[in-house]
Amino acid sequence: MKMRCCCILLFFLFLSFPTFCQKPNVEGIYADVHDLSANTEPRYDLNKERCALVKVRFVAKHASFEGNIIGDVIKKEGEYWVYMTKGSRYLTVKHPDLLPTQIMLDKSQPLESGVVYVLTLSIPDSMYATVMRRNDSDTNDSESSERKCIVSGKVFAENDSIKPLGGVTIYQNLQEGSYESMVYSSADGSYSIPNIKLGDNLTFTYKDYQTQTATLQSFQDAEMDITMKLKVIQKIRGTVCDRKGNPMPGVAITLKEAEIHAISDKNGDFEITTEVLNGILQFTYVGMKTVQIHFKDVISRYIVVKMEEWSKAKGDMDEIITMEY
């Protein structure tokens, strides 16, 4: 009885084996002499030899390749671009639902430099539904990442008490002066901005208040209330003098983080007003070594800067003196 059961089990395993052990079908491969992609979009091997380009036409997503490949495989709609070294003969194709297969690219001669080859693969009939389900799953994930929503909420000002703040400018994906969309908060502090995707950044700006940013991490967080704090304005004052203590007028002073510039007056005094709490002040003067002061939370602090002459004999013209406050 046990022997009979074992035989039946082995029989069904034998029948199902071809279904689960299928390779992609090779429909054909040829050199496309009219395709100039390998020359207009070239890659080079370590010997600076132009690569051959194998365009693998295969509707299955998630395919990977092994062989004498240069750089990353480029995925395009319905095909993969695989750059290979001159003289290559074999390319191995892998897919999660199919068996790996090693393909001889050209039986007569190896791949030539700067030539485009077209390799066409198809999915075995018995595995077509399985492979396409994986494709559809990938498409659904992509569509989910493109899902958009409306982000809304209220903006509040944090002063002596919390109160709604109207007229706040709200940018979607603000970067180097450009943005995708912009709205203003209403008098009661409420706002609503449409077409926001996961990962989008919102930037909230208002005069005399610190800029606030928020990122949409999940669609459950589409209701965002923002509290804005007043800017901290500080004045950095000081005097610049030489090694003997004599005041130095005309010294150029730069606050790097804010691109703020100032010049010391006839008494060597200077004053900079900024929102930057942590940064670098740079002092430059002809014939003097550059001085850089790293400051942190120096509100209303007075800075005395002593500059030293640079010595031509020592060749220390480019020396930078660094101090911290």
Protein backbone atom coordinates (compact mmCIF):
# COMPACT_ATOMS: atom_id res chain seq x y z
CA MET A 1 0.00 0.00 0.00
CA LYS A 2 2.80 2.38 0.95
CA MET A 3 4.65 1.49 -2.22
CA ARG A 4 1.56 2.25 -4.29
CA CYS A 5 1.10 5.69 -2.64
CA CYS A 6 4.74 6.51 -3.28
CA CYS A 7 4.41 5.58 -6.92
CA ILE A 8 1.30 7.75 -7.33
CA LEU A 9 3.05 10.68 -5.63
CA LEU A 10 6.10 10.32 -7.85
CA PHE A 11 3.85 10.15 -10.90
CA PHE A 12 2.14 13.46 -10.10
CA LEU A 13 5.48 15.09 -9.30
CA PHE A 14 6.75 13.93 -12.68
CA LEU A 15 3.73 15.47 -14.40
CA SER A 16 4.07 18.80 -12.57
CA PHE A 17 7.84 19.03 -12.98
CA PRO A 18 7.74 20.60 -16.48
CA THR A 19 5.26 23.22 -15.26
CA PHE A 20 7.51 24.51 -12.52
CA CYS A 21 10.80 24.14 -14.41
CA GLN A 22 10.37 26.24 -17.51
CA LYS A 23 12.94 28.43 -19.20
CA PRO A 24 12.21 31.48 -21.34
CA ASN A 25 11.89 30.64 -25.04
CA VAL A 26 14.57 32.10 -27.32
CA GLU A 27 12.72 33.33 -30.41
CA GLY A 28 15.78 34.68 -32.17
CA ILE A 29 18.82 36.94 -32.14
CA TYR A 30 20.32 39.11 -34.86
CA ALA A 31 22.65 42.06 -35.35
CA ASP A 32 20.72 45.22 -36.21
CA VAL A 33 23.14 47.18 -38.40
CA HIS A 34 20.66 50.06 -38.76
CA ASP A 35 20.41 50.66 -35.01
CA LEU A 36 23.09 53.15 -33.89
CA SER A 37 22.24 53.13 -30.17
CA ALA A 38 25.56 51.49 -29.24
CA ASN A 39 27.33 54.49 -30.76
CA THR A 40 24.96 57.33 -29.86
CA GLU A 41 24.61 56.09 -26.26
CA PRO A 42 27.91 54.22 -25.83
CA ARG A 43 29.57 52.54 -22.89
CA TYR A 44 33.22 51.51 -22.70
CA ASP A 45 35.04 48.64 -21.02
CA LEU A 46 38.20 48.95 -18.91
CA ASN A 47 40.30 48.95 -22.09
CA LYS A 48 38.28 51.92 -23.40
CA GLU A 49 36.79 49.66 -26.06
CA ARG A 50 33.24 50.49 -27.12
CA CYS A 51 30.75 47.89 -25.85
CA ALA A 52 28.22 45.89 -27.83
CA LEU A 53 24.60 46.57 -26.90
CA VAL A 54 22.20 43.63 -26.52
CA LYS A 55 18.56 44.71 -26.57
CA VAL A 56 16.61 41.93 -24.87
CA ARG A 57 12.96 42.07 -25.88
CA PHE A 58 11.09 40.37 -23.07
CA VAL A 59 7.68 41.37 -21.69
CA ALA A 60 8.41 39.80 -18.29
CA LYS A 61 9.42 42.31 -15.64
CA HIS A 62 11.95 41.50 -12.87
CA ALA A 63 14.38 39.81 -15.26
CA SER A 64 18.08 39.95 -14.36
CA PHE A 65 21.18 39.19 -16.39
CA GLU A 66 24.67 37.79 -15.87
CA GLY A 67 27.69 37.81 -18.15
CA ASN A 68 30.39 40.23 -19.26
CA ILE A 69 28.11 43.16 -18.55
CA ILE A 70 29.35 46.76 -18.22
CA GLY A 71 27.30 49.01 -15.91
CA ASP A 72 23.68 48.65 -14.88
CA VAL A 73 21.06 47.12 -17.14
CA ILE A 74 18.67 49.77 -18.49
CA LYS A 75 15.00 48.83 -18.19
CA LYS A 76 12.70 50.12 -20.91
CA GLU A 77 9.12 49.34 -21.86
CA GLY A 78 9.16 45.75 -23.12
CA GLU A 79 12.94 45.44 -23.36
CA TYR A 80 16.23 45.58 -21.46
CA TRP A 81 19.44 47.21 -22.66
CA VAL A 82 22.47 45.13 -21.71
CA TYR A 83 25.93 46.51 -22.53
CA MET A 84 28.52 43.74 -22.95
CA THR A 85 32.23 43.64 -23.68
CA LYS A 86 33.53 42.93 -27.15
CA GLY A 87 34.05 39.21 -27.69
CA SER A 88 31.28 38.06 -25.33
CA ARG A 89 29.43 34.90 -26.36
CA TYR A 90 27.02 34.07 -23.54
CA LEU A 91 24.30 35.85 -21.56
CA THR A 92 22.47 34.27 -18.62
CA VAL A 93 18.84 35.33 -18.11
CA LYS A 94 17.11 34.92 -14.73
CA HIS A 95 13.55 35.49 -13.57
CA PRO A 96 11.86 34.66 -10.21
CA ASP A 97 9.26 32.44 -11.91
CA LEU A 98 11.49 30.78 -14.51
CA LEU A 99 14.61 28.68 -14.61
CA PRO A 100 17.91 30.44 -15.42
CA THR A 101 19.01 29.98 -18.98
CA GLN A 102 22.36 30.60 -20.63
CA ILE A 103 22.01 31.87 -24.17
CA MET A 104 24.71 31.72 -26.86
CA LEU A 105 24.47 35.17 -28.42
CA ASP A 106 26.15 34.43 -31.76
CA LYS A 107 27.13 30.96 -32.88
CA SER A 108 29.30 32.14 -35.76
CA GLN A 109 31.33 34.87 -34.01
CA PRO A 110 31.47 36.74 -30.68
CA LEU A 111 29.90 40.18 -30.15
CA GLU A 112 31.50 43.06 -32.00
CA SER A 113 32.30 46.49 -30.60
CA GLY A 114 29.66 49.19 -31.20
CA VAL A 115 27.08 46.80 -32.68
CA VAL A 116 23.45 46.45 -31.53
CA TYR A 117 22.08 42.90 -31.16
CA VAL A 118 18.38 42.16 -30.68
CA LEU A 119 17.53 39.13 -28.55
CA THR A 120 13.84 38.19 -28.42
CA LEU A 121 12.54 36.02 -25.57
CA SER A 122 9.03 34.78 -24.83
CA ILE A 123 7.30 33.32 -21.80
CA PRO A 124 6.41 29.58 -21.92
CA ASP A 125 2.66 29.06 -22.26
CA SER A 126 2.45 27.09 -19.01
CA MET A 127 4.06 29.97 -17.07
CA TYR A 128 2.49 32.92 -18.87
CA ALA A 129 -0.29 33.52 -16.32
CA THR A 130 2.13 33.28 -13.37
CA VAL A 131 4.63 35.72 -14.88
CA MET A 132 1.95 38.22 -15.90
CA ARG A 133 0.44 38.15 -12.39
CA ARG A 134 3.81 39.30 -11.11
CA ASN A 135 3.82 42.02 -13.77
CA ASP A 136 0.35 43.18 -12.73
CA SER A 137 1.37 43.21 -9.07
CA ASP A 138 4.31 45.46 -9.93
CA THR A 139 2.00 47.77 -11.90
CA ASN A 140 -0.43 48.04 -8.98
CA ASP A 141 2.41 48.98 -6.64
CA SER A 142 3.50 51.65 -9.10
CA GLU A 143 -0.03 53.04 -9.33
CA SER A 144 -0.23 53.14 -5.53
CA SER A 145 2.93 55.23 -5.40
CA GLU A 146 1.31 57.68 -7.84
CA ARG A 147 -1.85 58.03 -5.78
CA LYS A 148 -2.59 61.62 -4.80
CA CYS A 149 -4.63 63.25 -2.07
CA ILE A 150 -5.67 66.62 -0.66
CA VAL A 151 -3.64 67.78 2.35
CA SER A 152 -5.45 70.24 4.60
CA GLY A 153 -5.27 71.64 8.10
CA LYS A 154 -4.65 74.84 10.02
CA VAL A 155 -1.62 77.02 10.60
CA PHE A 156 -1.11 78.53 14.06
CA ALA A 157 1.24 81.21 15.36
CA GLU A 158 3.12 80.49 18.57
CA ASN A 159 3.46 83.81 20.39
CA ASP A 160 2.23 84.46 23.90
CA SER A 161 -0.67 82.21 22.96
CA ILE A 162 -1.56 79.92 20.08
CA LYS A 163 -3.70 81.64 17.45
CA PRO A 164 -4.61 80.98 13.80
CA LEU A 165 -2.27 82.50 11.24
CA GLY A 166 -3.64 83.69 7.89
CA GLY A 167 -1.67 84.62 4.79
CA VAL A 168 0.92 81.86 5.19
CA THR A 169 2.43 80.78 1.85
CA ILE A 170 2.46 77.00 1.41
CA TYR A 171 4.61 75.45 -1.34
CA GLN A 172 4.57 71.92 -2.71
CA ASN A 173 8.11 70.58 -3.22
CA LEU A 174 9.91 73.92 -2.97
CA GLN A 175 13.47 73.60 -4.25
CA GLU A 176 15.88 76.34 -5.30
CA GLY A 177 13.07 78.80 -6.03
CA SER A 178 10.88 76.41 -8.04
CA TYR A 179 7.78 74.57 -6.84
CA GLU A 180 4.91 72.45 -8.15
CA SER A 181 2.02 74.40 -6.60
CA MET A 182 1.32 77.12 -4.02
CA VAL A 183 -1.61 78.17 -1.81
CA TYR A 184 -2.23 80.63 1.05
CA SER A 185 -3.84 79.97 4.40
CA SER A 186 -7.12 81.80 4.98
CA ALA A 187 -7.85 84.26 7.78
CA ASP A 188 -8.79 81.44 10.17
CA GLY A 189 -5.50 79.66 9.41
CA SER A 190 -7.06 76.88 7.33
CA TYR A 191 -5.52 75.67 4.08
CA SER A 192 -6.05 72.96 1.49
CA ILE A 193 -3.58 71.87 -1.19
CA PRO A 194 -4.50 69.15 -3.76
CA ASN A 195 -2.50 66.58 -5.78
CA ILE A 196 -0.05 65.67 -3.02
CA LYS A 197 1.80 62.35 -3.35
CA LEU A 198 3.54 60.27 -0.70
CA GLY A 199 6.95 61.79 -0.02
CA ASP A 200 5.98 65.28 -1.18
CA ASN A 201 7.29 68.14 0.96
CA LEU A 202 5.23 71.13 2.06
CA THR A 203 7.01 74.35 3.02
CA PHE A 204 5.24 76.98 5.15
CA THR A 205 6.64 80.53 5.03
CA TYR A 206 5.50 83.79 6.63
CA LYS A 207 7.29 87.03 7.42
CA ASP A 208 8.94 87.22 10.86
CA TYR A 209 8.28 83.49 11.39
CA GLN A 210 10.59 80.53 11.01
CA THR A 211 10.01 78.42 7.90
CA GLN A 212 8.37 75.08 8.65
CA THR A 213 8.43 71.93 6.52
CA ALA A 214 6.33 68.77 6.58
CA THR A 215 6.43 65.55 4.53
CA LEU A 216 3.43 63.38 3.66
CA GLN A 217 4.50 59.98 5.06
CA SER A 218 1.12 58.24 4.70
CA PHE A 219 -2.34 59.12 3.42
CA GLN A 220 -3.63 58.87 6.98
CA ASP A 221 -1.56 61.98 7.75
CA ALA A 222 -3.31 64.13 5.13
CA GLU A 223 -4.68 66.33 7.94
CA MET A 224 -1.73 68.50 9.05
CA ASP A 225 -1.83 71.30 11.62
CA ILE A 226 1.31 73.44 11.65
CA THR A 227 2.59 75.69 14.43
CA MET A 228 4.98 78.45 13.36
CA LYS A 229 7.45 80.14 15.72
CA LEU A 230 8.76 83.68 15.53
CA LYS A 231 12.20 84.09 13.99
CA VAL A 232 15.07 84.63 16.38
CA ILE A 233 16.85 87.76 15.18
CA GLN A 234 20.33 88.31 16.55
CA LYS A 235 22.87 91.08 16.19
CA ILE A 236 26.51 90.14 16.04
CA ARG A 237 28.68 93.09 17.00
CA GLY A 238 32.40 93.40 17.32
CA THR A 239 35.68 95.16 16.60
CA VAL A 240 38.50 94.24 14.27
CA CYS A 241 42.04 95.23 15.20
CA ASP A 242 45.60 94.31 14.34
CA ARG A 243 48.03 92.44 16.54
CA LYS A 244 48.91 95.66 18.43
CA GLY A 245 45.28 96.49 19.12
CA ASN A 246 44.92 99.26 16.54
CA PRO A 247 41.43 99.39 14.95
CA MET A 248 41.22 98.20 11.34
CA PRO A 249 38.68 99.94 9.07
CA GLY A 250 37.63 98.46 5.72
CA VAL A 251 37.83 94.79 6.73
CA ALA A 252 35.44 92.64 4.66
CA ILE A 253 33.18 90.49 6.83
CA THR A 254 31.08 87.68 5.35
CA LEU A 255 28.50 85.45 7.01
CA LYS A 256 28.78 82.41 4.74
CA GLU A 257 25.48 80.70 5.57
CA ALA A 258 23.37 83.76 4.68
CA GLU A 259 25.63 85.49 2.14
CA ILE A 260 25.56 88.62 4.33
CA HIS A 261 28.40 91.09 3.89
CA ALA A 262 29.62 93.99 6.02
CA ILE A 263 32.63 96.33 6.26
CA SER A 264 34.24 97.48 9.50
CA ASP A 265 34.01 101.26 10.05
CA LYS A 266 36.77 103.76 10.86
CA ASN A 267 36.90 102.46 14.43
CA GLY A 268 37.08 98.85 13.28
CA ASP A 269 33.53 98.22 14.52
CA PHE A 270 30.98 96.09 12.68
CA GLU A 271 27.43 94.85 13.16
CA ILE A 272 25.51 92.07 11.39
CA THR A 273 21.81 91.28 11.85
CA THR A 274 20.83 87.73 10.98
CA GLU A 275 18.53 84.82 11.72
CA VAL A 276 21.48 82.41 11.59
CA LEU A 277 22.27 81.07 15.06
CA ASN A 278 25.17 78.84 14.08
CA GLY A 279 27.61 79.73 11.34
CA ILE A 280 30.97 81.04 10.18
CA LEU A 281 32.08 84.68 10.04
CA GLN A 282 35.00 85.30 7.70
CA PHE A 283 37.26 88.38 7.95
CA THR A 284 39.52 89.31 5.02
CA TYR A 285 41.89 92.24 4.44
CA VAL A 286 44.72 92.76 1.98
CA GLY A 287 48.05 91.76 3.50
CA MET A 288 46.39 89.99 6.44
CA LYS A 289 45.71 86.33 7.13
CA THR A 290 42.06 85.36 6.73
CA VAL A 291 40.23 84.81 10.02
CA GLN A 292 37.24 82.50 10.37
CA ILE A 293 35.09 82.49 13.50
CA HIS A 294 32.74 79.59 14.15
CA PHE A 295 29.91 80.89 16.33
CA LYS A 296 26.97 79.27 18.06
CA ASP A 297 24.16 81.11 19.85
CA VAL A 298 26.08 84.38 20.13
CA ILE A 299 23.02 86.57 20.61
CA SER A 300 24.13 90.06 21.74
CA ARG A 301 27.70 88.82 22.23
CA TYR A 302 30.58 91.16 21.42
CA ILE A 303 33.38 89.70 19.32
CA VAL A 304 36.93 91.05 19.22
CA VAL A 305 38.89 89.91 16.17
CA LYS A 306 42.66 90.27 15.92
CA MET A 307 44.21 89.95 12.47
CA GLU A 308 47.83 89.11 11.73
CA GLU A 309 49.99 90.12 8.82
CA TRP A 310 51.03 87.37 6.50
CA SER A 311 54.73 86.87 5.92
CA LYS A 312 56.07 86.65 2.40
CA ALA A 313 59.17 84.93 3.74
CA LYS A 314 57.14 82.25 5.48
CA GLY A 315 54.77 81.91 2.53
CA ASP A 316 51.74 81.81 4.84
CA MET A 317 49.54 84.02 2.68
CA ASP A 318 46.85 81.32 2.38
CA GLU A 319 46.85 80.44 6.08
CA ILE A 320 43.44 80.72 7.75
CA ILE A 321 43.14 81.45 11.45
CA THR A 322 40.17 79.66 12.98
CA MET A 323 38.47 80.69 16.22
CA GLU A 324 35.33 79.59 18.05
CA TYR A 325 32.80 81.49 20.16
